[in-house]
Structures are given as C-alpha cells and as structure tokens.
Amino acid sequence: MVAAPGVYAVIKDLLGRRAMARKAEADLMQMAQDAASGVIHTLREEAERLAQRLEQVEAELGDLRREHSRMISDKDARIAALEGEKRQLEARVAAYRRILAAHGLADEPAPAVA
C-alpha cells in the first residue's frame, strides 16, 4: 500500500501540530501567569504604600483634632474670662452711674482726657 506512508505522514503532521499548539498554549498560560503575578505583586506593594499613607493621614488628623480641641478650650477660657471681666465692668459702671445720679451729677459730661 502506497497510501499508508502518505496517511502516516499526514497523521504525524497533525500530531506534531497538536503538540506545537499545546506547547504554544502552555507558553501562553505561563506568560499569563507571569503577567498576573507581576500585577498581583504591584497591587500588593501599592496597597501597602496606601495603607502606610492612610496611617500617616489618620495620625495627622488625630494631632490636628487634639490641637483644635486645645485651641477651642483656650479660646473658650479666654471668652469666659473676658465675659467675666465685662460683667464686672458693667456692674462697676452701673454702680458709679447710680452714685452720680444719687448726687445729681448723672447728666454732666465727663472731662476730656488729653
């Protein structure tokens, strides 16, 4: 049979092409795995970098909130002190005006200070 060597050659060629296709597929799979591995590594590094930045931002926010709270406390204390002083001055002014009114001097203008 003369056809047998031709059929054998065709079958051998097909099997060779299948083997090459499997090899190419395996090579592509390896390339895809390598690329995915690189992307995963990059994502992990970026996630770690962002997590560190997040910690820095949280720490800075905490510091600013504490400082802001101290500033508010300081301002509140200053406001309270000034309000107390204002009440004392108002009371003294009213007392002095009552004394002046009791002596009939309430309508006299105060002397100009040079």
PDB file of N, CA and C in Angstrom:
ATOM      1  N   MET A   1       0.813  -1.169   0.000  1.00  0.00           N
ATOM      2  CA  MET A   1       0.000   0.000   0.000  1.00  0.00           C
ATOM      3  C   MET A   1       0.868   1.247   0.000  1.00  0.00           C
ATOM      4  N   VAL A   2       0.620   1.996  -1.004  1.00  0.00           N
ATOM      5  CA  VAL A   2       1.389   3.210  -1.178  1.00  0.00           C
ATOM      6  C   VAL A   2       0.767   4.346  -0.358  1.00  0.00           C
ATOM      7  N   ALA A   3      -0.514   4.291  -0.153  1.00  0.00           N
ATOM      8  CA  ALA A   3      -1.216   5.364   0.547  1.00  0.00           C
ATOM      9  C   ALA A   3      -0.849   5.395   2.024  1.00  0.00           C
ATOM     10  N   ALA A   4      -0.441   4.275   2.590  1.00  0.00           N
ATOM     11  CA  ALA A   4      -0.146   4.209   4.010  1.00  0.00           C
ATOM     12  C   ALA A   4       0.966   5.168   4.414  1.00  0.00           C
ATOM     13  N   PRO A   5       2.069   5.263   3.680  1.00  0.00           N
ATOM     14  CA  PRO A   5       3.079   6.222   4.095  1.00  0.00           C
ATOM     15  C   PRO A   5       2.570   7.664   4.037  1.00  0.00           C
ATOM     16  N   GLY A   6       1.705   7.977   3.075  1.00  0.00           N
ATOM     17  CA  GLY A   6       1.139   9.331   2.966  1.00  0.00           C
ATOM     18  C   GLY A   6       0.206   9.633   4.135  1.00  0.00           C
ATOM     19  N   VAL A   7      -0.603   8.642   4.495  1.00  0.00           N
ATOM     20  CA  VAL A   7      -1.524   8.803   5.633  1.00  0.00           C
ATOM     21  C   VAL A   7      -0.700   8.915   6.910  1.00  0.00           C
ATOM     22  N   TYR A   8       0.316   8.117   7.014  1.00  0.00           N
ATOM     23  CA  TYR A   8       1.185   8.161   8.186  1.00  0.00           C
ATOM     24  C   TYR A   8       1.817   9.555   8.314  1.00  0.00           C
ATOM     25  N   ALA A   9       2.249  10.114   7.204  1.00  0.00           N
ATOM     26  CA  ALA A   9       2.869  11.436   7.219  1.00  0.00           C
ATOM     27  C   ALA A   9       1.857  12.501   7.627  1.00  0.00           C
ATOM     28  N   VAL A  10       0.616  12.375   7.144  1.00  0.00           N
ATOM     29  CA  VAL A  10      -0.438  13.347   7.493  1.00  0.00           C
ATOM     30  C   VAL A  10      -0.757  13.247   8.987  1.00  0.00           C
ATOM     31  N   ILE A  11      -0.873  12.003   9.486  1.00  0.00           N
ATOM     32  CA  ILE A  11      -1.183  11.805  10.916  1.00  0.00           C
ATOM     33  C   ILE A  11      -0.023  12.343  11.759  1.00  0.00           C
ATOM     34  N   LYS A  12       1.190  12.071  11.331  1.00  0.00           N
ATOM     35  CA  LYS A  12       2.357  12.556  12.068  1.00  0.00           C
ATOM     36  C   LYS A  12       2.372  14.082  12.071  1.00  0.00           C
ATOM     37  N   ASP A  13       2.031  14.672  10.937  1.00  0.00           N
ATOM     38  CA  ASP A  13       1.993  16.124  10.835  1.00  0.00           C
ATOM     39  C   ASP A  13       0.913  16.704  11.760  1.00  0.00           C
ATOM     40  N   LEU A  14      -0.263  16.090  11.764  1.00  0.00           N
ATOM     41  CA  LEU A  14      -1.348  16.563  12.637  1.00  0.00           C
ATOM     42  C   LEU A  14      -0.964  16.447  14.108  1.00  0.00           C
ATOM     43  N   LEU A  15      -0.358  15.315  14.474  1.00  0.00           N
ATOM     44  CA  LEU A  15       0.065  15.135  15.859  1.00  0.00           C
ATOM     45  C   LEU A  15       1.153  16.144  16.227  1.00  0.00           C
ATOM     46  N   GLY A  16       2.033  16.431  15.297  1.00  0.00           N
ATOM     47  CA  GLY A  16       3.082  17.418  15.532  1.00  0.00           C
ATOM     48  C   GLY A  16       2.487  18.817  15.716  1.00  0.00           C
ATOM     49  N   ARG A  17       1.477  19.126  14.890  1.00  0.00           N
ATOM     50  CA  ARG A  17       0.827  20.430  15.021  1.00  0.00           C
ATOM     51  C   ARG A  17       0.076  20.535  16.352  1.00  0.00           C
ATOM     52  N   ARG A  18      -0.562  19.452  16.760  1.00  0.00           N
ATOM     53  CA  ARG A  18      -1.260  19.454  18.063  1.00  0.00           C
ATOM     54  C   ARG A  18      -0.271  19.653  19.202  1.00  0.00           C
ATOM     55  N   ALA A  19       0.866  18.979  19.098  1.00  0.00           N
ATOM     56  CA  ALA A  19       1.889  19.132  20.130  1.00  0.00           C
ATOM     57  C   ALA A  19       2.395  20.574  20.156  1.00  0.00           C
ATOM     58  N   MET A  20       2.587  21.169  18.979  1.00  0.00           N
ATOM     59  CA  MET A  20       3.027  22.553  18.913  1.00  0.00           C
ATOM     60  C   MET A  20       1.951  23.484  19.475  1.00  0.00           C
ATOM     61  N   ALA A  21       0.688  23.191  19.186  1.00  0.00           N
ATOM     62  CA  ALA A  21      -0.410  24.016  19.694  1.00  0.00           C
ATOM     63  C   ALA A  21      -0.474  23.913  21.218  1.00  0.00           C
ATOM     64  N   ARG A  22      -0.307  22.690  21.753  1.00  0.00           N
ATOM     65  CA  ARG A  22      -0.297  22.509  23.209  1.00  0.00           C
ATOM     66  C   ARG A  22       0.884  23.254  23.834  1.00  0.00           C
ATOM     67  N   LYS A  23       2.038  23.205  23.159  1.00  0.00           N
ATOM     68  CA  LYS A  23       3.226  23.905  23.655  1.00  0.00           C
ATOM     69  C   LYS A  23       2.981  25.407  23.633  1.00  0.00           C
ATOM     70  N   ALA A  24       2.384  25.899  22.549  1.00  0.00           N
ATOM     71  CA  ALA A  24       2.078  27.328  22.446  1.00  0.00           C
ATOM     72  C   ALA A  24       1.071  27.726  23.515  1.00  0.00           C
ATOM     73  N   GLU A  25       0.081  26.868  23.729  1.00  0.00           N
ATOM     74  CA  GLU A  25      -0.925  27.144  24.770  1.00  0.00           C
ATOM     75  C   GLU A  25      -0.270  27.161  26.147  1.00  0.00           C
ATOM     76  N   ALA A  26       0.623  26.226  26.393  1.00  0.00           N
ATOM     77  CA  ALA A  26       1.332  26.185  27.675  1.00  0.00           C
ATOM     78  C   ALA A  26       2.212  27.430  27.834  1.00  0.00           C
ATOM     79  N   ASP A  27       2.864  27.836  26.737  1.00  0.00           N
ATOM     80  CA  ASP A  27       3.677  29.053  26.791  1.00  0.00           C
ATOM     81  C   ASP A  27       2.816  30.279  27.079  1.00  0.00           C
ATOM     82  N   LEU A  28       1.658  30.355  26.447  1.00  0.00           N
ATOM     83  CA  LEU A  28       0.743  31.471  26.689  1.00  0.00           C
ATOM     84  C   LEU A  28       0.240  31.471  28.138  1.00  0.00           C
ATOM     85  N   MET A  29      -0.069  30.289  28.645  1.00  0.00           N
ATOM     86  CA  MET A  29      -0.526  30.171  30.027  1.00  0.00           C
ATOM     87  C   MET A  29       0.567  30.642  30.982  1.00  0.00           C
ATOM     88  N   GLN A  30       1.821  30.259  30.693  1.00  0.00           N
ATOM     89  CA  GLN A  30       2.936  30.685  31.544  1.00  0.00           C
ATOM     90  C   GLN A  30       3.111  32.194  31.483  1.00  0.00           C
ATOM     91  N   MET A  31       2.984  32.756  30.280  1.00  0.00           N
ATOM     92  CA  MET A  31       3.099  34.206  30.138  1.00  0.00           C
ATOM     93  C   MET A  31       1.984  34.916  30.908  1.00  0.00           C
ATOM     94  N   ALA A  32       0.781  34.380  30.825  1.00  0.00           N
ATOM     95  CA  ALA A  32      -0.353  34.971  31.540  1.00  0.00           C
ATOM     96  C   ALA A  32      -0.141  34.881  33.049  1.00  0.00           C
ATOM     97  N   GLN A  33       0.353  33.738  33.508  1.00  0.00           N
ATOM     98  CA  GLN A  33       0.623  33.590  34.940  1.00  0.00           C
ATOM     99  C   GLN A  33       1.717  34.558  35.392  1.00  0.00           C
ATOM    100  N   ASP A  34       2.754  34.715  34.599  1.00  0.00           N
ATOM    101  CA  ASP A  34       3.830  35.648  34.930  1.00  0.00           C
ATOM    102  C   ASP A  34       3.291  37.083  34.994  1.00  0.00           C
ATOM    103  N   ALA A  35       2.463  37.443  34.005  1.00  0.00           N
ATOM    104  CA  ALA A  35       1.893  38.792  33.982  1.00  0.00           C
ATOM    105  C   ALA A  35       0.980  39.002  35.190  1.00  0.00           C
ATOM    106  N   ALA A  36       0.154  38.005  35.489  1.00  0.00           N
ATOM    107  CA  ALA A  36      -0.743  38.109  36.642  1.00  0.00           C
ATOM    108  C   ALA A  36       0.054  38.214  37.934  1.00  0.00           C
ATOM    109  N   SER A  37       1.118  37.448  38.020  1.00  0.00           N
ATOM    110  CA  SER A  37       1.967  37.501  39.203  1.00  0.00           C
ATOM    111  C   SER A  37       2.560  38.895  39.374  1.00  0.00           C
ATOM    112  N   GLY A  38       3.006  39.493  38.284  1.00  0.00           N
ATOM    113  CA  GLY A  38       3.552  40.846  38.332  1.00  0.00           C
ATOM    114  C   GLY A  38       2.506  41.861  38.769  1.00  0.00           C
ATOM    115  N   VAL A  39       1.299  41.727  38.239  1.00  0.00           N
ATOM    116  CA  VAL A  39       0.214  42.637  38.601  1.00  0.00           C
ATOM    117  C   VAL A  39      -0.144  42.463  40.075  1.00  0.00           C
ATOM    118  N   ILE A  40      -0.227  41.238  40.520  1.00  0.00           N
ATOM    119  CA  ILE A  40      -0.552  40.964  41.928  1.00  0.00           C
ATOM    120  C   ILE A  40       0.524  41.564  42.834  1.00  0.00           C
ATOM    121  N   HIS A  41       1.776  41.379  42.475  1.00  0.00           N
ATOM    122  CA  HIS A  41       2.881  41.945  43.263  1.00  0.00           C
ATOM    123  C   HIS A  41       2.779  43.469  43.318  1.00  0.00           C
ATOM    124  N   THR A  42       2.529  44.080  42.166  1.00  0.00           N
ATOM    125  CA  THR A  42       2.391  45.541  42.107  1.00  0.00           C
ATOM    126  C   THR A  42       1.214  46.005  42.955  1.00  0.00           C
ATOM    127  N   LEU A  43       0.098  45.299  42.877  1.00  0.00           N
ATOM    128  CA  LEU A  43      -1.069  45.670  43.671  1.00  0.00           C
ATOM    129  C   LEU A  43      -0.795  45.550  45.167  1.00  0.00           C
ATOM    130  N   ARG A  44      -0.078  44.505  45.546  1.00  0.00           N
ATOM    131  CA  ARG A  44       0.257  44.339  46.965  1.00  0.00           C
ATOM    132  C   ARG A  44       1.154  45.472  47.453  1.00  0.00           C
ATOM    133  N   GLU A  45       2.145  45.838  46.644  1.00  0.00           N
ATOM    134  CA  GLU A  45       3.029  46.949  47.009  1.00  0.00           C
ATOM    135  C   GLU A  45       2.246  48.252  47.120  1.00  0.00           C
ATOM    136  N   GLU A  46       1.376  48.497  46.160  1.00  0.00           N
ATOM    137  CA  GLU A  46       0.577  49.722  46.173  1.00  0.00           C
ATOM    138  C   GLU A  46      -0.377  49.733  47.366  1.00  0.00           C
ATOM    139  N   ALA A  47      -0.981  48.601  47.676  1.00  0.00           N
ATOM    140  CA  ALA A  47      -1.870  48.510  48.831  1.00  0.00           C
ATOM    141  C   ALA A  47      -1.100  48.798  50.118  1.00  0.00           C
ATOM    142  N   GLU A  48       0.103  48.294  50.223  1.00  0.00           N
ATOM    143  CA  GLU A  48       0.931  48.536  51.413  1.00  0.00           C
ATOM    144  C   GLU A  48       1.319  50.010  51.509  1.00  0.00           C
ATOM    145  N   ARG A  49       1.698  50.601  50.383  1.00  0.00           N
ATOM    146  CA  ARG A  49       2.056  52.015  50.368  1.00  0.00           C
ATOM    147  C   ARG A  49       0.862  52.874  50.775  1.00  0.00           C
ATOM    148  N   LEU A  50      -0.307  52.552  50.232  1.00  0.00           N
ATOM    149  CA  LEU A  50      -1.506  53.317  50.569  1.00  0.00           C
ATOM    150  C   LEU A  50      -1.915  53.113  52.024  1.00  0.00           C
ATOM    151  N   ALA A  51      -1.723  51.912  52.546  1.00  0.00           N
ATOM    152  CA  ALA A  51      -2.040  51.643  53.957  1.00  0.00           C
ATOM    153  C   ALA A  51      -1.128  52.471  54.865  1.00  0.00           C
ATOM    154  N   GLN A  52       0.138  52.581  54.502  1.00  0.00           N
ATOM    155  CA  GLN A  52       1.063  53.415  55.286  1.00  0.00           C
ATOM    156  C   GLN A  52       0.651  54.876  55.226  1.00  0.00           C
ATOM    157  N   ARG A  53       0.268  55.340  54.045  1.00  0.00           N
ATOM    158  CA  ARG A  53      -0.186  56.732  53.899  1.00  0.00           C
ATOM    159  C   ARG A  53      -1.459  56.950  54.714  1.00  0.00           C
ATOM    160  N   LEU A  54      -2.344  55.967  54.704  1.00  0.00           N
ATOM    161  CA  LEU A  54      -3.571  56.058  55.492  1.00  0.00           C
ATOM    162  C   LEU A  54      -3.243  56.223  56.972  1.00  0.00           C
ATOM    163  N   GLU A  55      -2.293  55.465  57.471  1.00  0.00           N
ATOM    164  CA  GLU A  55      -1.879  55.587  58.869  1.00  0.00           C
ATOM    165  C   GLU A  55      -1.326  56.984  59.153  1.00  0.00           C
ATOM    166  N   GLN A  56      -0.542  57.520  58.215  1.00  0.00           N
ATOM    167  CA  GLN A  56       0.004  58.870  58.390  1.00  0.00           C
ATOM    168  C   GLN A  56      -1.119  59.909  58.435  1.00  0.00           C
ATOM    169  N   VAL A  57      -2.075  59.775  57.528  1.00  0.00           N
ATOM    170  CA  VAL A  57      -3.188  60.720  57.479  1.00  0.00           C
ATOM    171  C   VAL A  57      -4.015  60.635  58.757  1.00  0.00           C
ATOM    172  N   GLU A  58      -4.285  59.418  59.226  1.00  0.00           N
ATOM    173  CA  GLU A  58      -5.049  59.243  60.461  1.00  0.00           C
ATOM    174  C   GLU A  58      -4.311  59.861  61.647  1.00  0.00           C
ATOM    175  N   ALA A  59      -2.995  59.672  61.705  1.00  0.00           N
ATOM    176  CA  ALA A  59      -2.203  60.248  62.793  1.00  0.00           C
ATOM    177  C   ALA A  59      -2.236  61.772  62.730  1.00  0.00           C
ATOM    178  N   GLU A  60      -2.090  62.315  61.525  1.00  0.00           N
ATOM    179  CA  GLU A  60      -2.124  63.771  61.369  1.00  0.00           C
ATOM    180  C   GLU A  60      -3.496  64.324  61.741  1.00  0.00           C
ATOM    181  N   LEU A  61      -4.542  63.635  61.327  1.00  0.00           N
ATOM    182  CA  LEU A  61      -5.895  64.057  61.702  1.00  0.00           C
ATOM    183  C   LEU A  61      -6.063  64.051  63.217  1.00  0.00           C
ATOM    184  N   GLY A  62      -5.575  63.011  63.864  1.00  0.00           N
ATOM    185  CA  GLY A  62      -5.656  62.931  65.320  1.00  0.00           C
ATOM    186  C   GLY A  62      -4.923  64.090  65.977  1.00  0.00           C
ATOM    187  N   ASP A  63      -3.723  64.386  65.476  1.00  0.00           N
ATOM    188  CA  ASP A  63      -2.947  65.506  66.017  1.00  0.00           C
ATOM    189  C   ASP A  63      -3.693  66.829  65.833  1.00  0.00           C
ATOM    190  N   LEU A  64      -4.224  67.027  64.620  1.00  0.00           N
ATOM    191  CA  LEU A  64      -4.937  68.270  64.347  1.00  0.00           C
ATOM    192  C   LEU A  64      -6.206  68.385  65.193  1.00  0.00           C
ATOM    193  N   ARG A  65      -6.891  67.272  65.383  1.00  0.00           N
ATOM    194  CA  ARG A  65      -8.105  67.309  66.214  1.00  0.00           C
ATOM    195  C   ARG A  65      -7.759  67.643  67.661  1.00  0.00           C
ATOM    196  N   ARG A  66      -6.681  67.062  68.171  1.00  0.00           N
ATOM    197  CA  ARG A  66      -6.267  67.374  69.543  1.00  0.00           C
ATOM    198  C   ARG A  66      -5.862  68.848  69.658  1.00  0.00           C
ATOM    199  N   GLU A  67      -5.091  69.322  68.686  1.00  0.00           N
ATOM    200  CA  GLU A  67      -4.672  70.720  68.690  1.00  0.00           C
ATOM    201  C   GLU A  67      -5.890  71.645  68.589  1.00  0.00           C
ATOM    202  N   HIS A  68      -6.818  71.283  67.728  1.00  0.00           N
ATOM    203  CA  HIS A  68      -8.030  72.077  67.563  1.00  0.00           C
ATOM    204  C   HIS A  68      -8.827  72.097  68.861  1.00  0.00           C
ATOM    205  N   SER A  69      -8.916  70.969  69.510  1.00  0.00           N
ATOM    206  CA  SER A  69      -9.629  70.890  70.782  1.00  0.00           C
ATOM    207  C   SER A  69      -8.961  71.777  71.828  1.00  0.00           C
ATOM    208  N   ARG A  70      -7.621  71.746  71.883  1.00  0.00           N
ATOM    209  CA  ARG A  70      -6.894  72.611  72.822  1.00  0.00           C
ATOM    210  C   ARG A  70      -7.129  74.079  72.494  1.00  0.00           C
ATOM    211  N   MET A  71      -7.103  74.397  71.196  1.00  0.00           N
ATOM    212  CA  MET A  71      -7.335  75.784  70.790  1.00  0.00           C
ATOM    213  C   MET A  71      -8.734  76.235  71.196  1.00  0.00           C
ATOM    214  N   ILE A  72      -9.709  75.376  70.973  1.00  0.00           N
ATOM    215  CA  ILE A  72     -11.081  75.707  71.348  1.00  0.00           C
ATOM    216  C   ILE A  72     -11.170  75.893  72.854  1.00  0.00           C
ATOM    217  N   SER A  73     -10.534  75.005  73.597  1.00  0.00           N
ATOM    218  CA  SER A  73     -10.542  75.127  75.059  1.00  0.00           C
ATOM    219  C   SER A  73      -9.891  76.432  75.491  1.00  0.00           C
ATOM    220  N   ASP A  74      -8.761  76.771  74.865  1.00  0.00           N
ATOM    221  CA  ASP A  74      -8.075  78.022  75.186  1.00  0.00           C
ATOM    222  C   ASP A  74      -8.963  79.222  74.854  1.00  0.00           C
ATOM    223  N   LYS A  75      -9.583  79.183  73.674  1.00  0.00           N
ATOM    224  CA  LYS A  75     -10.466  80.281  73.265  1.00  0.00           C
ATOM    225  C   LYS A  75     -11.678  80.364  74.188  1.00  0.00           C
ATOM    226  N   ASP A  76     -12.251  79.207  74.538  1.00  0.00           N
ATOM    227  CA  ASP A  76     -13.395  79.203  75.455  1.00  0.00           C
ATOM    228  C   ASP A  76     -13.009  79.804  76.800  1.00  0.00           C
ATOM    229  N   ALA A  77     -11.819  79.469  77.286  1.00  0.00           N
ATOM    230  CA  ALA A  77     -11.359  80.026  78.566  1.00  0.00           C
ATOM    231  C   ALA A  77     -11.168  81.531  78.444  1.00  0.00           C
ATOM    232  N   ARG A  78     -10.597  81.988  77.338  1.00  0.00           N
ATOM    233  CA  ARG A  78     -10.395  83.427  77.126  1.00  0.00           C
ATOM    234  C   ARG A  78     -11.733  84.145  77.028  1.00  0.00           C
ATOM    235  N   ILE A  79     -12.686  83.557  76.304  1.00  0.00           N
ATOM    236  CA  ILE A  79     -14.024  84.146  76.183  1.00  0.00           C
ATOM    237  C   ILE A  79     -14.681  84.241  77.557  1.00  0.00           C
ATOM    238  N   ALA A  80     -14.596  83.172  78.329  1.00  0.00           N
ATOM    239  CA  ALA A  80     -15.192  83.175  79.667  1.00  0.00           C
ATOM    240  C   ALA A  80     -14.552  84.246  80.542  1.00  0.00           C
ATOM    241  N   ALA A  81     -13.224  84.382  80.447  1.00  0.00           N
ATOM    242  CA  ALA A  81     -12.539  85.403  81.246  1.00  0.00           C
ATOM    243  C   ALA A  81     -12.982  86.800  80.830  1.00  0.00           C
ATOM    244  N   LEU A  82     -13.064  87.049  79.527  1.00  0.00           N
ATOM    245  CA  LEU A  82     -13.491  88.365  79.042  1.00  0.00           C
ATOM    246  C   LEU A  82     -14.949  88.648  79.395  1.00  0.00           C
ATOM    247  N   GLU A  83     -15.801  87.625  79.299  1.00  0.00           N
ATOM    248  CA  GLU A  83     -17.204  87.815  79.691  1.00  0.00           C
ATOM    249  C   GLU A  83     -17.313  88.143  81.178  1.00  0.00           C
ATOM    250  N   GLY A  84     -16.494  87.496  82.008  1.00  0.00           N
ATOM    251  CA  GLY A  84     -16.473  87.807  83.442  1.00  0.00           C
ATOM    252  C   GLY A  84     -16.006  89.228  83.684  1.00  0.00           C
ATOM    253  N   GLU A  85     -14.939  89.618  82.985  1.00  0.00           N
ATOM    254  CA  GLU A  85     -14.433  90.977  83.124  1.00  0.00           C
ATOM    255  C   GLU A  85     -15.478  91.990  82.657  1.00  0.00           C
ATOM    256  N   LYS A  86     -16.171  91.675  81.567  1.00  0.00           N
ATOM    257  CA  LYS A  86     -17.214  92.556  81.039  1.00  0.00           C
ATOM    258  C   LYS A  86     -18.322  92.742  82.074  1.00  0.00           C
ATOM    259  N   ARG A  87     -18.764  91.644  82.692  1.00  0.00           N
ATOM    260  CA  ARG A  87     -19.811  91.740  83.710  1.00  0.00           C
ATOM    261  C   ARG A  87     -19.347  92.603  84.887  1.00  0.00           C
ATOM    262  N   GLN A  88     -18.097  92.418  85.307  1.00  0.00           N
ATOM    263  CA  GLN A  88     -17.567  93.234  86.408  1.00  0.00           C
ATOM    264  C   GLN A  88     -17.533  94.709  86.024  1.00  0.00           C
ATOM    265  N   LEU A  89     -17.077  95.008  84.801  1.00  0.00           N
ATOM    266  CA  LEU A  89     -17.010  96.405  84.349  1.00  0.00           C
ATOM    267  C   LEU A  89     -18.402  97.009  84.226  1.00  0.00           C
ATOM    268  N   GLU A  90     -19.351  96.226  83.689  1.00  0.00           N
ATOM    269  CA  GLU A  90     -20.725  96.716  83.585  1.00  0.00           C
ATOM    270  C   GLU A  90     -21.292  97.028  84.974  1.00  0.00           C
ATOM    271  N   ALA A  91     -21.010  96.145  85.923  1.00  0.00           N
ATOM    272  CA  ALA A  91     -21.502  96.356  87.287  1.00  0.00           C
ATOM    273  C   ALA A  91     -20.869  97.604  87.898  1.00  0.00           C
ATOM    274  N   ARG A  92     -19.578  97.813  87.689  1.00  0.00           N
ATOM    275  CA  ARG A  92     -18.907  98.998  88.245  1.00  0.00           C
ATOM    276  C   ARG A  92     -19.416 100.273  87.591  1.00  0.00           C
ATOM    277  N   VAL A  93     -19.584 100.242  86.256  1.00  0.00           N
ATOM    278  CA  VAL A  93     -20.106 101.413  85.536  1.00  0.00           C
ATOM    279  C   VAL A  93     -21.499 101.750  86.061  1.00  0.00           C
ATOM    280  N   ALA A  94     -22.345 100.737  86.191  1.00  0.00           N
ATOM    281  CA  ALA A  94     -23.704 100.967  86.688  1.00  0.00           C
ATOM    282  C   ALA A  94     -23.679 101.509  88.109  1.00  0.00           C
ATOM    283  N   ALA A  95     -22.791 100.983  88.951  1.00  0.00           N
ATOM    284  CA  ALA A  95     -22.694 101.450  90.341  1.00  0.00           C
ATOM    285  C   ALA A  95     -22.236 102.905  90.376  1.00  0.00           C
ATOM    286  N   TYR A  96     -21.226 103.245  89.568  1.00  0.00           N
ATOM    287  CA  TYR A  96     -20.741 104.619  89.549  1.00  0.00           C
ATOM    288  C   TYR A  96     -21.823 105.569  89.027  1.00  0.00           C
ATOM    289  N   ARG A  97     -22.555 105.143  88.026  1.00  0.00           N
ATOM    290  CA  ARG A  97     -23.638 105.988  87.488  1.00  0.00           C
ATOM    291  C   ARG A  97     -24.750 106.183  88.521  1.00  0.00           C
ATOM    292  N   ARG A  98     -25.022 105.132  89.284  1.00  0.00           N
ATOM    293  CA  ARG A  98     -26.039 105.272  90.341  1.00  0.00           C
ATOM    294  C   ARG A  98     -25.566 106.282  91.396  1.00  0.00           C
ATOM    295  N   ILE A  99     -24.269 106.193  91.754  1.00  0.00           N
ATOM    296  CA  ILE A  99     -23.721 107.136  92.738  1.00  0.00           C
ATOM    297  C   ILE A  99     -23.825 108.567  92.195  1.00  0.00           C
ATOM    298  N   LEU A 100     -23.431 108.757  90.925  1.00  0.00           N
ATOM    299  CA  LEU A 100     -23.508 110.081  90.309  1.00  0.00           C
ATOM    300  C   LEU A 100     -24.956 110.568  90.244  1.00  0.00           C
ATOM    301  N   ALA A 101     -25.872 109.691  89.883  1.00  0.00           N
ATOM    302  CA  ALA A 101     -27.289 110.063  89.796  1.00  0.00           C
ATOM    303  C   ALA A 101     -27.838 110.424  91.170  1.00  0.00           C
ATOM    304  N   ALA A 102     -27.408 109.692  92.187  1.00  0.00           N
ATOM    305  CA  ALA A 102     -27.875 109.960  93.544  1.00  0.00           C
ATOM    306  C   ALA A 102     -27.438 111.349  93.998  1.00  0.00           C
ATOM    307  N   HIS A 103     -26.356 111.863  93.449  1.00  0.00           N
ATOM    308  CA  HIS A 103     -25.850 113.182  93.813  1.00  0.00           C
ATOM    309  C   HIS A 103     -26.202 114.241  92.769  1.00  0.00           C
ATOM    310  N   GLY A 104     -27.044 113.852  91.832  1.00  0.00           N
ATOM    311  CA  GLY A 104     -27.495 114.794  90.813  1.00  0.00           C
ATOM    312  C   GLY A 104     -26.443 115.128  89.788  1.00  0.00           C
ATOM    313  N   LEU A 105     -25.470 114.272  89.553  1.00  0.00           N
ATOM    314  CA  LEU A 105     -24.382 114.566  88.608  1.00  0.00           C
ATOM    315  C   LEU A 105     -24.402 113.651  87.372  1.00  0.00           C
ATOM    316  N   ALA A 106     -25.469 112.965  87.193  1.00  0.00           N
ATOM    317  CA  ALA A 106     -25.515 111.970  86.112  1.00  0.00           C
ATOM    318  C   ALA A 106     -25.463 112.594  84.730  1.00  0.00           C
ATOM    319  N   ASP A 107     -25.977 113.801  84.571  1.00  0.00           N
ATOM    320  CA  ASP A 107     -26.061 114.394  83.232  1.00  0.00           C
ATOM    321  C   ASP A 107     -24.809 115.165  82.845  1.00  0.00           C
ATOM    322  N   GLU A 108     -23.871 115.334  83.724  1.00  0.00           N
ATOM    323  CA  GLU A 108     -22.664 116.088  83.404  1.00  0.00           C
ATOM    324  C   GLU A 108     -21.729 115.237  82.530  1.00  0.00           C
ATOM    325  N   PRO A 109     -21.208 115.833  81.460  1.00  0.00           N
ATOM    326  CA  PRO A 109     -20.266 115.078  80.637  1.00  0.00           C
ATOM    327  C   PRO A 109     -18.950 114.867  81.363  1.00  0.00           C
ATOM    328  N   ALA A 110     -18.313 113.798  81.028  1.00  0.00           N
ATOM    329  CA  ALA A 110     -17.013 113.508  81.629  1.00  0.00           C
ATOM    330  C   ALA A 110     -15.978 114.459  81.058  1.00  0.00           C
ATOM    331  N   PRO A 111     -15.009 114.887  81.878  1.00  0.00           N
ATOM    332  CA  PRO A 111     -13.974 115.791  81.359  1.00  0.00           C
ATOM    333  C   PRO A 111     -13.134 115.086  80.290  1.00  0.00           C
ATOM    334  N   ALA A 112     -12.720 115.835  79.290  1.00  0.00           N
ATOM    335  CA  ALA A 112     -11.909 115.273  78.196  1.00  0.00           C
ATOM    336  C   ALA A 112     -10.536 114.945  78.712  1.00  0.00           C
ATOM    337  N   VAL A 113     -10.042 113.818  78.298  1.00  0.00           N
ATOM    338  CA  VAL A 113      -8.709 113.375  78.691  1.00  0.00           C
ATOM    339  C   VAL A 113      -7.751 113.791  77.589  1.00  0.00           C
ATOM    340  N   ALA A 114      -6.702 114.503  77.974  1.00  0.00           N
ATOM    341  CA  ALA A 114      -5.756 114.985  76.964  1.00  0.00           C
ATOM    342  C   ALA A 114      -4.681 114.003  76.701  1.00  0.00           C
TER     343      ALA A 114
END
